[in-house]
């Protein structure tokens, strides 16, 4: 099966914008890992858009800009895996294009992407379902946090991905923000920053790994470590609950959470490949791409045979052991 693997930054989706070096490296690392994993999965013929100073290329043929390259790649493929930020509806929009063109979508459904990317709706959904999540509220203009939080709290863009634009405050205070509710304010949760990598099928899910997160200044994501042991039972329960309240989580998705003495507290759900995939490729048996293909084709998910501890950075450096 010909599979188009698209990573928004590495494939030139933001060729006219400004991309930080950190995000560009992270994107290339995820694309490289996905290509490697699918190349090592029987029946898969992955390809991608090559974007560089000499333009865009697909299958060795030059393309007239990014849009033509993206459409050419969709014409050539039978299935597509889209890796893109939820910011601005980018991931949802590109996934809809894949579906409209009649291609097999190897990722989450647009409805799940939309819910996970809307921080207000996401918080409301989890709270109503009894899933532990920080107290969260929309913020804009003159915002007084003392009406919502007693201790540490954070502010982050309402339409953002990962730890971009996040700021920590040690005490309640009033701050001035852009009007219009463009931010969310959130209770800061003390504990161990963690994530979990999941693949969901129609009737089951597999937790590929639980991952320790490394944060610069206690806030900004700097990579992590996939752990070789099985996830705790309360993490399994957390993943099961999330999969039930957000229909359409299919293929690979991740959860950022904080492990506290009272159990895991969900911070975000990422409805796409995450940076931990760079370590899973080559350190999980079977390859993670096999799980994704089984999910998309409606078959039973493989059983994990081996998982190796591996540290990874956002630039794609992976060290086993």
C-alpha atoms as a PDB file:
ATOM      1  CA  UNK A   1       0.000   0.000   0.000  1.00  0.00           C
ATOM      2  CA  UNK A   2       1.354   3.421  -0.954  1.00  0.00           C
ATOM      3  CA  UNK A   3       1.281   5.653   2.117  1.00  0.00           C
ATOM      4  CA  UNK A   4       1.743   9.404   2.044  1.00  0.00           C
ATOM      5  CA  UNK A   5       3.374  10.566   5.275  1.00  0.00           C
ATOM      6  CA  UNK A   6       3.060  14.310   5.750  1.00  0.00           C
ATOM      7  CA  UNK A   7       4.640  16.363   8.516  1.00  0.00           C
ATOM      8  CA  UNK A   8       3.470  19.961   8.224  1.00  0.00           C
ATOM      9  CA  UNK A   9       6.732  21.766   8.972  1.00  0.00           C
ATOM     10  CA  UNK A  10       9.210  19.325   7.428  1.00  0.00           C
ATOM     11  CA  UNK A  11       7.159  19.084   4.221  1.00  0.00           C
ATOM     12  CA  UNK A  12       6.959  22.853   3.729  1.00  0.00           C
ATOM     13  CA  UNK A  13       3.402  23.489   4.845  1.00  0.00           C
ATOM     14  CA  UNK A  14       4.542  26.735   6.449  1.00  0.00           C
ATOM     15  CA  UNK A  15       7.059  27.642   3.750  1.00  0.00           C
ATOM     16  CA  UNK A  16       5.911  31.266   3.729  1.00  0.00           C
ATOM     17  CA  UNK A  17       5.892  31.605   7.519  1.00  0.00           C
ATOM     18  CA  UNK A  18       8.471  31.741  10.260  1.00  0.00           C
ATOM     19  CA  UNK A  19       9.384  28.393  11.803  1.00  0.00           C
ATOM     20  CA  UNK A  20      11.601  28.174  14.869  1.00  0.00           C
ATOM     21  CA  UNK A  21      14.651  25.954  14.531  1.00  0.00           C
ATOM     22  CA  UNK A  22      13.403  23.821  17.452  1.00  0.00           C
ATOM     23  CA  UNK A  23      10.018  23.122  15.842  1.00  0.00           C
ATOM     24  CA  UNK A  24      11.601  22.462  12.451  1.00  0.00           C
ATOM     25  CA  UNK A  25      13.968  19.862  13.940  1.00  0.00           C
ATOM     26  CA  UNK A  26      11.115  18.253  15.875  1.00  0.00           C
ATOM     27  CA  UNK A  27       9.065  17.976  12.705  1.00  0.00           C
ATOM     28  CA  UNK A  28      11.901  16.428  10.711  1.00  0.00           C
ATOM     29  CA  UNK A  29      12.563  13.950  13.527  1.00  0.00           C
ATOM     30  CA  UNK A  30       8.946  12.763  13.580  1.00  0.00           C
ATOM     31  CA  UNK A  31       8.835  12.481   9.783  1.00  0.00           C
ATOM     32  CA  UNK A  32      12.079  10.499   9.695  1.00  0.00           C
ATOM     33  CA  UNK A  33      10.884   8.117  12.426  1.00  0.00           C
ATOM     34  CA  UNK A  34       7.526   7.569  10.718  1.00  0.00           C
ATOM     35  CA  UNK A  35       9.196   6.841   7.371  1.00  0.00           C
ATOM     36  CA  UNK A  36      11.539   4.359   9.078  1.00  0.00           C
ATOM     37  CA  UNK A  37       8.760   2.551  10.942  1.00  0.00           C
ATOM     38  CA  UNK A  38       6.486   2.232   7.894  1.00  0.00           C
ATOM     39  CA  UNK A  39       9.418   1.148   5.699  1.00  0.00           C
ATOM     40  CA  UNK A  40       9.971  -1.731   8.121  1.00  0.00           C
ATOM     41  CA  UNK A  41       6.297  -2.742   8.104  1.00  0.00           C
ATOM     42  CA  UNK A  42       5.281  -5.388   5.560  1.00  0.00           C
ATOM     43  CA  UNK A  43       3.013  -4.170   2.773  1.00  0.00           C
ATOM     44  CA  UNK A  44       3.770  -0.471   3.307  1.00  0.00           C
ATOM     45  CA  UNK A  45       5.428   1.789   0.733  1.00  0.00           C
ATOM     46  CA  UNK A  46       5.789   5.161   2.455  1.00  0.00           C
ATOM     47  CA  UNK A  47       6.727   8.355   0.634  1.00  0.00           C
ATOM     48  CA  UNK A  48       6.643  12.043   1.441  1.00  0.00           C
ATOM     49  CA  UNK A  49       7.095  15.550   0.081  1.00  0.00           C
ATOM     50  CA  UNK A  50      10.703  16.673  -0.126  1.00  0.00           C
ATOM     51  CA  UNK A  51      10.883  20.401   0.547  1.00  0.00           C
ATOM     52  CA  UNK A  52      14.107  22.352   0.246  1.00  0.00           C
ATOM     53  CA  UNK A  53      15.769  25.426  -1.217  1.00  0.00           C
ATOM     54  CA  UNK A  54      15.304  23.984  -4.726  1.00  0.00           C
ATOM     55  CA  UNK A  55      11.531  23.624  -4.287  1.00  0.00           C
ATOM     56  CA  UNK A  56       9.101  20.764  -3.709  1.00  0.00           C
ATOM     57  CA  UNK A  57       9.501  17.219  -4.992  1.00  0.00           C
ATOM     58  CA  UNK A  58       7.208  14.171  -4.918  1.00  0.00           C
ATOM     59  CA  UNK A  59       8.361  10.809  -6.243  1.00  0.00           C
ATOM     60  CA  UNK A  60      11.413  12.438  -7.805  1.00  0.00           C
ATOM     61  CA  UNK A  61       9.282  14.901  -9.785  1.00  0.00           C
ATOM     62  CA  UNK A  62       9.434  18.689  -9.224  1.00  0.00           C
ATOM     63  CA  UNK A  63       6.225  20.404  -8.120  1.00  0.00           C
ATOM     64  CA  UNK A  64       4.940  23.921  -8.620  1.00  0.00           C
ATOM     65  CA  UNK A  65       4.686  24.920  -4.958  1.00  0.00           C
ATOM     66  CA  UNK A  66       3.412  23.280  -1.807  1.00  0.00           C
ATOM     67  CA  UNK A  67      -0.251  23.001  -2.812  1.00  0.00           C
ATOM     68  CA  UNK A  68       0.543  21.091  -6.000  1.00  0.00           C
ATOM     69  CA  UNK A  69       2.959  18.873  -4.094  1.00  0.00           C
ATOM     70  CA  UNK A  70       0.309  18.026  -1.506  1.00  0.00           C
ATOM     71  CA  UNK A  71      -2.311  17.237  -4.164  1.00  0.00           C
ATOM     72  CA  UNK A  72       0.134  15.173  -6.221  1.00  0.00           C
ATOM     73  CA  UNK A  73       1.029  13.137  -3.141  1.00  0.00           C
ATOM     74  CA  UNK A  74      -2.655  12.506  -2.392  1.00  0.00           C
ATOM     75  CA  UNK A  75      -3.215  11.394  -6.000  1.00  0.00           C
ATOM     76  CA  UNK A  76      -0.374   8.884  -5.655  1.00  0.00           C
ATOM     77  CA  UNK A  77      -1.309   7.391  -2.292  1.00  0.00           C
ATOM     78  CA  UNK A  78      -3.853   4.903  -1.026  1.00  0.00           C
ATOM     79  CA  UNK A  79      -3.559   6.035   2.607  1.00  0.00           C
ATOM     80  CA  UNK A  80      -2.238   9.129   4.365  1.00  0.00           C
ATOM     81  CA  UNK A  81      -0.815   9.920   7.783  1.00  0.00           C
ATOM     82  CA  UNK A  82      -1.054  13.617   8.612  1.00  0.00           C
ATOM     83  CA  UNK A  83       1.205  15.077  11.325  1.00  0.00           C
ATOM     84  CA  UNK A  84       0.377  18.721  11.941  1.00  0.00           C
ATOM     85  CA  UNK A  85      -0.441  21.102  14.803  1.00  0.00           C
ATOM     86  CA  UNK A  86      -4.048  21.489  15.907  1.00  0.00           C
ATOM     87  CA  UNK A  87      -3.411  25.260  15.994  1.00  0.00           C
ATOM     88  CA  UNK A  88      -5.654  27.196  13.634  1.00  0.00           C
ATOM     89  CA  UNK A  89      -7.500  24.019  12.654  1.00  0.00           C
ATOM     90  CA  UNK A  90      -4.563  22.906  10.457  1.00  0.00           C
ATOM     91  CA  UNK A  91      -4.640  19.215  11.413  1.00  0.00           C
ATOM     92  CA  UNK A  92      -8.431  19.009  11.131  1.00  0.00           C
ATOM     93  CA  UNK A  93      -8.466  20.755   7.747  1.00  0.00           C
ATOM     94  CA  UNK A  94      -5.791  18.532   6.204  1.00  0.00           C
ATOM     95  CA  UNK A  95      -7.455  15.394   7.574  1.00  0.00           C
ATOM     96  CA  UNK A  96     -10.732  16.461   5.977  1.00  0.00           C
ATOM     97  CA  UNK A  97      -8.947  16.823   2.623  1.00  0.00           C
ATOM     98  CA  UNK A  98      -7.634  13.255   2.952  1.00  0.00           C
ATOM     99  CA  UNK A  99     -11.153  11.966   3.596  1.00  0.00           C
ATOM    100  CA  UNK A 100     -12.709  14.069   0.827  1.00  0.00           C
ATOM    101  CA  UNK A 101     -10.235  12.590  -1.647  1.00  0.00           C
ATOM    102  CA  UNK A 102     -11.340   9.093  -0.658  1.00  0.00           C
ATOM    103  CA  UNK A 103      -8.041   8.088   0.906  1.00  0.00           C
ATOM    104  CA  UNK A 104      -7.632   5.902   3.987  1.00  0.00           C
ATOM    105  CA  UNK A 105      -6.974   8.164   6.980  1.00  0.00           C
ATOM    106  CA  UNK A 106      -4.348   6.681   9.294  1.00  0.00           C
ATOM    107  CA  UNK A 107      -5.018   9.257  12.007  1.00  0.00           C
ATOM    108  CA  UNK A 108      -7.815  10.491  14.224  1.00  0.00           C
ATOM    109  CA  UNK A 109     -11.213  11.630  12.980  1.00  0.00           C
ATOM    110  CA  UNK A 110     -11.771  15.377  12.415  1.00  0.00           C
ATOM    111  CA  UNK A 111     -14.323  15.484  15.253  1.00  0.00           C
ATOM    112  CA  UNK A 112     -11.781  14.144  17.765  1.00  0.00           C
ATOM    113  CA  UNK A 113      -9.125  16.553  16.500  1.00  0.00           C
ATOM    114  CA  UNK A 114     -11.522  19.481  16.916  1.00  0.00           C
ATOM    115  CA  UNK A 115     -12.499  18.550  20.477  1.00  0.00           C
ATOM    116  CA  UNK A 116      -8.950  17.875  21.634  1.00  0.00           C
ATOM    117  CA  UNK A 117      -7.738  21.140  20.118  1.00  0.00           C
ATOM    118  CA  UNK A 118     -10.412  23.292  21.767  1.00  0.00           C
ATOM    119  CA  UNK A 119      -8.994  23.727  25.275  1.00  0.00           C
ATOM    120  CA  UNK A 120     -12.267  25.058  26.738  1.00  0.00           C
ATOM    121  CA  UNK A 121     -14.446  22.301  25.272  1.00  0.00           C
ATOM    122  CA  UNK A 122     -11.821  19.693  26.143  1.00  0.00           C
ATOM    123  CA  UNK A 123     -11.764  20.817  29.786  1.00  0.00           C
ATOM    124  CA  UNK A 124     -15.566  20.810  29.978  1.00  0.00           C
ATOM    125  CA  UNK A 125     -15.776  17.339  28.430  1.00  0.00           C
ATOM    126  CA  UNK A 126     -13.281  15.805  30.839  1.00  0.00           C
ATOM    127  CA  UNK A 127     -14.761  17.518  33.891  1.00  0.00           C
ATOM    128  CA  UNK A 128     -18.304  16.357  33.061  1.00  0.00           C
ATOM    129  CA  UNK A 129     -16.988  12.821  32.584  1.00  0.00           C
ATOM    130  CA  UNK A 130     -15.199  12.758  35.930  1.00  0.00           C
ATOM    131  CA  UNK A 131     -11.712  12.544  34.404  1.00  0.00           C
ATOM    132  CA  UNK A 132      -9.176  14.444  36.509  1.00  0.00           C
ATOM    133  CA  UNK A 133      -8.137  17.678  34.811  1.00  0.00           C
ATOM    134  CA  UNK A 134      -6.855  21.030  36.115  1.00  0.00           C
ATOM    135  CA  UNK A 135      -9.362  23.795  36.812  1.00  0.00           C
ATOM    136  CA  UNK A 136      -9.432  25.678  33.505  1.00  0.00           C
ATOM    137  CA  UNK A 137     -11.070  28.880  32.326  1.00  0.00           C
ATOM    138  CA  UNK A 138     -11.003  31.164  29.303  1.00  0.00           C
ATOM    139  CA  UNK A 139      -9.013  34.350  29.898  1.00  0.00           C
ATOM    140  CA  UNK A 140      -8.797  37.666  28.100  1.00  0.00           C
ATOM    141  CA  UNK A 141      -8.523  41.379  28.782  1.00  0.00           C
ATOM    142  CA  UNK A 142      -8.021  42.187  32.459  1.00  0.00           C
ATOM    143  CA  UNK A 143      -7.941  38.775  34.128  1.00  0.00           C
ATOM    144  CA  UNK A 144      -7.928  38.267  37.908  1.00  0.00           C
ATOM    145  CA  UNK A 145      -6.763  34.724  38.660  1.00  0.00           C
ATOM    146  CA  UNK A 146      -7.666  34.946  42.367  1.00  0.00           C
ATOM    147  CA  UNK A 147     -11.282  34.277  41.426  1.00  0.00           C
ATOM    148  CA  UNK A 148     -10.278  30.833  40.148  1.00  0.00           C
ATOM    149  CA  UNK A 149      -7.003  29.664  41.749  1.00  0.00           C
ATOM    150  CA  UNK A 150      -5.480  29.704  45.227  1.00  0.00           C
ATOM    151  CA  UNK A 151      -1.882  28.868  44.289  1.00  0.00           C
ATOM    152  CA  UNK A 152       0.288  28.357  41.226  1.00  0.00           C
ATOM    153  CA  UNK A 153      -1.347  28.728  37.827  1.00  0.00           C
ATOM    154  CA  UNK A 154      -0.417  28.970  34.153  1.00  0.00           C
ATOM    155  CA  UNK A 155      -1.590  30.967  31.171  1.00  0.00           C
ATOM    156  CA  UNK A 156      -1.413  29.523  27.651  1.00  0.00           C
ATOM    157  CA  UNK A 157      -2.868  30.317  24.206  1.00  0.00           C
ATOM    158  CA  UNK A 158      -6.374  28.928  23.798  1.00  0.00           C
ATOM    159  CA  UNK A 159      -5.445  27.773  20.293  1.00  0.00           C
ATOM    160  CA  UNK A 160      -1.960  26.418  20.797  1.00  0.00           C
ATOM    161  CA  UNK A 161       0.012  23.206  20.701  1.00  0.00           C
ATOM    162  CA  UNK A 162       2.268  21.703  23.356  1.00  0.00           C
ATOM    163  CA  UNK A 163       4.064  24.105  25.677  1.00  0.00           C
ATOM    164  CA  UNK A 164       4.251  27.017  23.225  1.00  0.00           C
ATOM    165  CA  UNK A 165       3.403  30.357  24.833  1.00  0.00           C
ATOM    166  CA  UNK A 166       2.891  28.955  28.335  1.00  0.00           C
ATOM    167  CA  UNK A 167       3.786  31.065  31.387  1.00  0.00           C
ATOM    168  CA  UNK A 168       3.785  30.137  35.080  1.00  0.00           C
ATOM    169  CA  UNK A 169       2.623  32.388  37.921  1.00  0.00           C
ATOM    170  CA  UNK A 170       3.471  31.447  41.506  1.00  0.00           C
ATOM    171  CA  UNK A 171       0.601  33.361  43.110  1.00  0.00           C
ATOM    172  CA  UNK A 172      -2.847  34.655  42.178  1.00  0.00           C
ATOM    173  CA  UNK A 173      -2.727  38.058  40.494  1.00  0.00           C
ATOM    174  CA  UNK A 174      -4.363  40.281  37.900  1.00  0.00           C
ATOM    175  CA  UNK A 175      -2.792  40.410  34.434  1.00  0.00           C
ATOM    176  CA  UNK A 176      -3.682  42.181  31.204  1.00  0.00           C
ATOM    177  CA  UNK A 177      -4.219  40.050  28.113  1.00  0.00           C
ATOM    178  CA  UNK A 178      -5.533  40.563  24.613  1.00  0.00           C
ATOM    179  CA  UNK A 179      -9.329  40.811  24.686  1.00  0.00           C
ATOM    180  CA  UNK A 180     -11.527  38.136  23.181  1.00  0.00           C
ATOM    181  CA  UNK A 181     -10.703  35.072  25.257  1.00  0.00           C
ATOM    182  CA  UNK A 182      -7.594  34.087  23.305  1.00  0.00           C
ATOM    183  CA  UNK A 183      -6.013  32.421  26.344  1.00  0.00           C
ATOM    184  CA  UNK A 184      -6.813  29.788  28.913  1.00  0.00           C
ATOM    185  CA  UNK A 185      -5.788  30.031  32.541  1.00  0.00           C
ATOM    186  CA  UNK A 186      -5.188  26.740  34.275  1.00  0.00           C
ATOM    187  CA  UNK A 187      -4.427  25.451  37.742  1.00  0.00           C
ATOM    188  CA  UNK A 188      -0.821  24.242  38.000  1.00  0.00           C
ATOM    189  CA  UNK A 189      -0.605  20.582  39.011  1.00  0.00           C
ATOM    190  CA  UNK A 190       2.360  19.458  41.096  1.00  0.00           C
ATOM    191  CA  UNK A 191       3.758  16.021  40.289  1.00  0.00           C
ATOM    192  CA  UNK A 192       5.749  14.051  37.719  1.00  0.00           C
ATOM    193  CA  UNK A 193       5.213  15.212  34.106  1.00  0.00           C
ATOM    194  CA  UNK A 194       4.392  12.170  31.989  1.00  0.00           C
ATOM    195  CA  UNK A 195       2.838  11.156  28.706  1.00  0.00           C
ATOM    196  CA  UNK A 196       1.450   7.991  27.203  1.00  0.00           C
ATOM    197  CA  UNK A 197       1.509   6.829  23.570  1.00  0.00           C
ATOM    198  CA  UNK A 198      -1.637   5.047  22.393  1.00  0.00           C
ATOM    199  CA  UNK A 199      -3.001   3.399  19.264  1.00  0.00           C
ATOM    200  CA  UNK A 200      -6.771   2.858  19.125  1.00  0.00           C
ATOM    201  CA  UNK A 201      -8.726   0.587  16.822  1.00  0.00           C
ATOM    202  CA  UNK A 202     -12.466   0.211  16.455  1.00  0.00           C
ATOM    203  CA  UNK A 203     -12.875  -1.959  19.555  1.00  0.00           C
ATOM    204  CA  UNK A 204      -9.597  -1.857  21.472  1.00  0.00           C
ATOM    205  CA  UNK A 205      -6.560   0.234  22.228  1.00  0.00           C
ATOM    206  CA  UNK A 206      -2.919  -0.523  22.899  1.00  0.00           C
ATOM    207  CA  UNK A 207      -0.684   1.582  25.103  1.00  0.00           C
ATOM    208  CA  UNK A 208       2.632   1.525  23.263  1.00  0.00           C
ATOM    209  CA  UNK A 209       4.524   3.163  26.121  1.00  0.00           C
ATOM    210  CA  UNK A 210       4.352   5.377  29.164  1.00  0.00           C
ATOM    211  CA  UNK A 211       6.892   8.175  28.866  1.00  0.00           C
ATOM    212  CA  UNK A 212       8.739  10.393  31.290  1.00  0.00           C
ATOM    213  CA  UNK A 213       8.742  14.025  30.124  1.00  0.00           C
ATOM    214  CA  UNK A 214      11.697  16.391  30.448  1.00  0.00           C
ATOM    215  CA  UNK A 215      10.726  20.045  30.887  1.00  0.00           C
ATOM    216  CA  UNK A 216      13.024  23.064  30.721  1.00  0.00           C
ATOM    217  CA  UNK A 217      12.248  25.502  33.557  1.00  0.00           C
ATOM    218  CA  UNK A 218       9.541  23.082  34.649  1.00  0.00           C
ATOM    219  CA  UNK A 219       7.312  24.164  31.748  1.00  0.00           C
ATOM    220  CA  UNK A 220       8.746  23.805  28.258  1.00  0.00           C
ATOM    221  CA  UNK A 221       8.971  20.412  26.605  1.00  0.00           C
ATOM    222  CA  UNK A 222      12.534  19.202  25.909  1.00  0.00           C
ATOM    223  CA  UNK A 223      11.999  15.519  25.108  1.00  0.00           C
ATOM    224  CA  UNK A 224      11.612  12.505  27.318  1.00  0.00           C
ATOM    225  CA  UNK A 225      12.123   8.799  27.825  1.00  0.00           C
ATOM    226  CA  UNK A 226       9.969   5.847  26.831  1.00  0.00           C
ATOM    227  CA  UNK A 227       9.802   3.361  29.709  1.00  0.00           C
ATOM    228  CA  UNK A 228      10.158  -0.368  29.141  1.00  0.00           C
ATOM    229  CA  UNK A 229       7.686  -1.359  31.858  1.00  0.00           C
ATOM    230  CA  UNK A 230       3.912  -1.664  31.447  1.00  0.00           C
ATOM    231  CA  UNK A 231       1.756   1.346  32.344  1.00  0.00           C
ATOM    232  CA  UNK A 232       0.161   1.569  35.779  1.00  0.00           C
ATOM    233  CA  UNK A 233      -3.429   0.352  36.085  1.00  0.00           C
ATOM    234  CA  UNK A 234      -4.699   3.875  36.789  1.00  0.00           C
ATOM    235  CA  UNK A 235      -3.046   5.080  33.559  1.00  0.00           C
ATOM    236  CA  UNK A 236      -4.822   2.290  31.651  1.00  0.00           C
ATOM    237  CA  UNK A 237      -8.109   3.401  33.234  1.00  0.00           C
ATOM    238  CA  UNK A 238      -7.368   7.022  32.261  1.00  0.00           C
ATOM    239  CA  UNK A 239      -6.754   6.066  28.610  1.00  0.00           C
ATOM    240  CA  UNK A 240      -9.897   3.924  28.531  1.00  0.00           C
ATOM    241  CA  UNK A 241     -12.014   6.770  29.921  1.00  0.00           C
ATOM    242  CA  UNK A 242     -10.605   9.296  27.436  1.00  0.00           C
ATOM    243  CA  UNK A 243     -11.220   6.973  24.469  1.00  0.00           C
ATOM    244  CA  UNK A 244     -14.864   6.677  25.512  1.00  0.00           C
ATOM    245  CA  UNK A 245     -15.571  10.390  25.941  1.00  0.00           C
ATOM    246  CA  UNK A 246     -13.747  11.497  22.763  1.00  0.00           C
ATOM    247  CA  UNK A 247     -15.100   9.349  19.922  1.00  0.00           C
ATOM    248  CA  UNK A 248     -12.901   9.293  16.847  1.00  0.00           C
ATOM    249  CA  UNK A 249      -9.563   8.898  18.606  1.00  0.00           C
ATOM    250  CA  UNK A 250      -8.098   6.346  16.231  1.00  0.00           C
ATOM    251  CA  UNK A 251      -4.618   5.459  15.133  1.00  0.00           C
ATOM    252  CA  UNK A 252      -1.800   7.011  17.152  1.00  0.00           C
ATOM    253  CA  UNK A 253      -2.578   9.608  19.806  1.00  0.00           C
ATOM    254  CA  UNK A 254      -0.985  10.749  23.042  1.00  0.00           C
ATOM    255  CA  UNK A 255      -1.921  12.065  26.462  1.00  0.00           C
ATOM    256  CA  UNK A 256       0.121  14.541  28.499  1.00  0.00           C
ATOM    257  CA  UNK A 257      -0.575  14.070  32.189  1.00  0.00           C
ATOM    258  CA  UNK A 258       0.881  14.718  35.614  1.00  0.00           C
ATOM    259  CA  UNK A 259       1.258  11.772  37.954  1.00  0.00           C
ATOM    260  CA  UNK A 260       0.254  12.821  41.466  1.00  0.00           C
ATOM    261  CA  UNK A 261      -0.092  10.813  44.708  1.00  0.00           C
ATOM    262  CA  UNK A 262      -3.830  10.678  43.950  1.00  0.00           C
ATOM    263  CA  UNK A 263      -3.302   9.378  40.410  1.00  0.00           C
ATOM    264  CA  UNK A 264      -2.902  10.836  36.905  1.00  0.00           C
ATOM    265  CA  UNK A 265      -4.275  14.289  36.032  1.00  0.00           C
ATOM    266  CA  UNK A 266      -4.824  14.825  32.300  1.00  0.00           C
ATOM    267  CA  UNK A 267      -3.334  18.002  30.826  1.00  0.00           C
ATOM    268  CA  UNK A 268      -3.844  17.523  27.084  1.00  0.00           C
ATOM    269  CA  UNK A 269      -4.709  14.959  24.435  1.00  0.00           C
ATOM    270  CA  UNK A 270      -2.664  15.118  21.237  1.00  0.00           C
ATOM    271  CA  UNK A 271      -4.691  13.563  18.363  1.00  0.00           C
ATOM    272  CA  UNK A 272      -1.622  12.838  16.178  1.00  0.00           C
ATOM    273  CA  UNK A 273       1.913  11.497  16.277  1.00  0.00           C
ATOM    274  CA  UNK A 274       3.955  12.935  19.126  1.00  0.00           C
ATOM    275  CA  UNK A 275       7.706  13.293  19.622  1.00  0.00           C
ATOM    276  CA  UNK A 276       7.860  10.055  21.631  1.00  0.00           C
ATOM    277  CA  UNK A 277       7.318   8.245  18.316  1.00  0.00           C
ATOM    278  CA  UNK A 278      10.946   9.049  17.443  1.00  0.00           C
ATOM    279  CA  UNK A 279      12.055   6.668  20.199  1.00  0.00           C
ATOM    280  CA  UNK A 280       9.328   4.070  19.704  1.00  0.00           C
ATOM    281  CA  UNK A 281      10.445   3.504  16.101  1.00  0.00           C
ATOM    282  CA  UNK A 282      13.185   0.927  16.452  1.00  0.00           C
ATOM    283  CA  UNK A 283      12.658   0.325  20.178  1.00  0.00           C
ATOM    284  CA  UNK A 284       9.234  -1.330  20.115  1.00  0.00           C
ATOM    285  CA  UNK A 285       8.402  -4.753  18.719  1.00  0.00           C
ATOM    286  CA  UNK A 286       6.365  -4.909  16.592  1.00  0.00           C
ATOM    287  CA  UNK A 287       7.067  -1.533  14.973  1.00  0.00           C
ATOM    288  CA  UNK A 288       4.522   1.177  15.927  1.00  0.00           C
ATOM    289  CA  UNK A 289       3.523   1.478  12.256  1.00  0.00           C
ATOM    290  CA  UNK A 290       2.103  -2.051  12.449  1.00  0.00           C
ATOM    291  CA  UNK A 291      -0.286  -0.924  15.174  1.00  0.00           C
ATOM    292  CA  UNK A 292      -1.366   2.088  13.110  1.00  0.00           C
ATOM    293  CA  UNK A 293      -2.032  -0.035  10.024  1.00  0.00           C
ATOM    294  CA  UNK A 294      -4.016  -2.615  12.012  1.00  0.00           C
ATOM    295  CA  UNK A 295      -6.090   0.201  13.490  1.00  0.00           C
ATOM    296  CA  UNK A 296      -6.880   1.730  10.096  1.00  0.00           C
ATOM    297  CA  UNK A 297      -7.696  -1.596   8.438  1.00  0.00           C
ATOM    298  CA  UNK A 298     -10.006  -2.718  11.239  1.00  0.00           C
ATOM    299  CA  UNK A 299      -8.004  -5.752  12.309  1.00  0.00           C
ATOM    300  CA  UNK A 300      -6.953  -6.806  15.808  1.00  0.00           C
ATOM    301  CA  UNK A 301      -4.068  -4.800  17.214  1.00  0.00           C
ATOM    302  CA  UNK A 302      -0.733  -6.623  17.615  1.00  0.00           C
ATOM    303  CA  UNK A 303       0.538  -7.613  21.040  1.00  0.00           C
ATOM    304  CA  UNK A 304       3.672  -5.894  22.298  1.00  0.00           C
ATOM    305  CA  UNK A 305       6.597  -8.306  22.313  1.00  0.00           C
ATOM    306  CA  UNK A 306       9.395  -6.000  23.447  1.00  0.00           C
ATOM    307  CA  UNK A 307       9.849  -2.410  24.600  1.00  0.00           C
ATOM    308  CA  UNK A 308      13.264  -0.858  25.236  1.00  0.00           C
ATOM    309  CA  UNK A 309      13.975   2.173  27.422  1.00  0.00           C
ATOM    310  CA  UNK A 310      15.084   5.029  25.186  1.00  0.00           C
ATOM    311  CA  UNK A 311      15.648   8.732  25.757  1.00  0.00           C
ATOM    312  CA  UNK A 312      14.814  11.232  23.050  1.00  0.00           C
ATOM    313  CA  UNK A 313      15.210  14.949  22.448  1.00  0.00           C
ATOM    314  CA  UNK A 314      13.024  17.269  20.419  1.00  0.00           C
ATOM    315  CA  UNK A 315      15.763  17.412  17.783  1.00  0.00           C
ATOM    316  CA  UNK A 316      15.512  13.687  17.122  1.00  0.00           C
ATOM    317  CA  UNK A 317      18.467  12.363  19.105  1.00  0.00           C
ATOM    318  CA  UNK A 318      17.599   8.937  20.554  1.00  0.00           C
ATOM    319  CA  UNK A 319      19.677   6.979  23.066  1.00  0.00           C
ATOM    320  CA  UNK A 320      18.665   3.476  24.145  1.00  0.00           C
ATOM    321  CA  UNK A 321      19.212   2.123  27.640  1.00  0.00           C
END
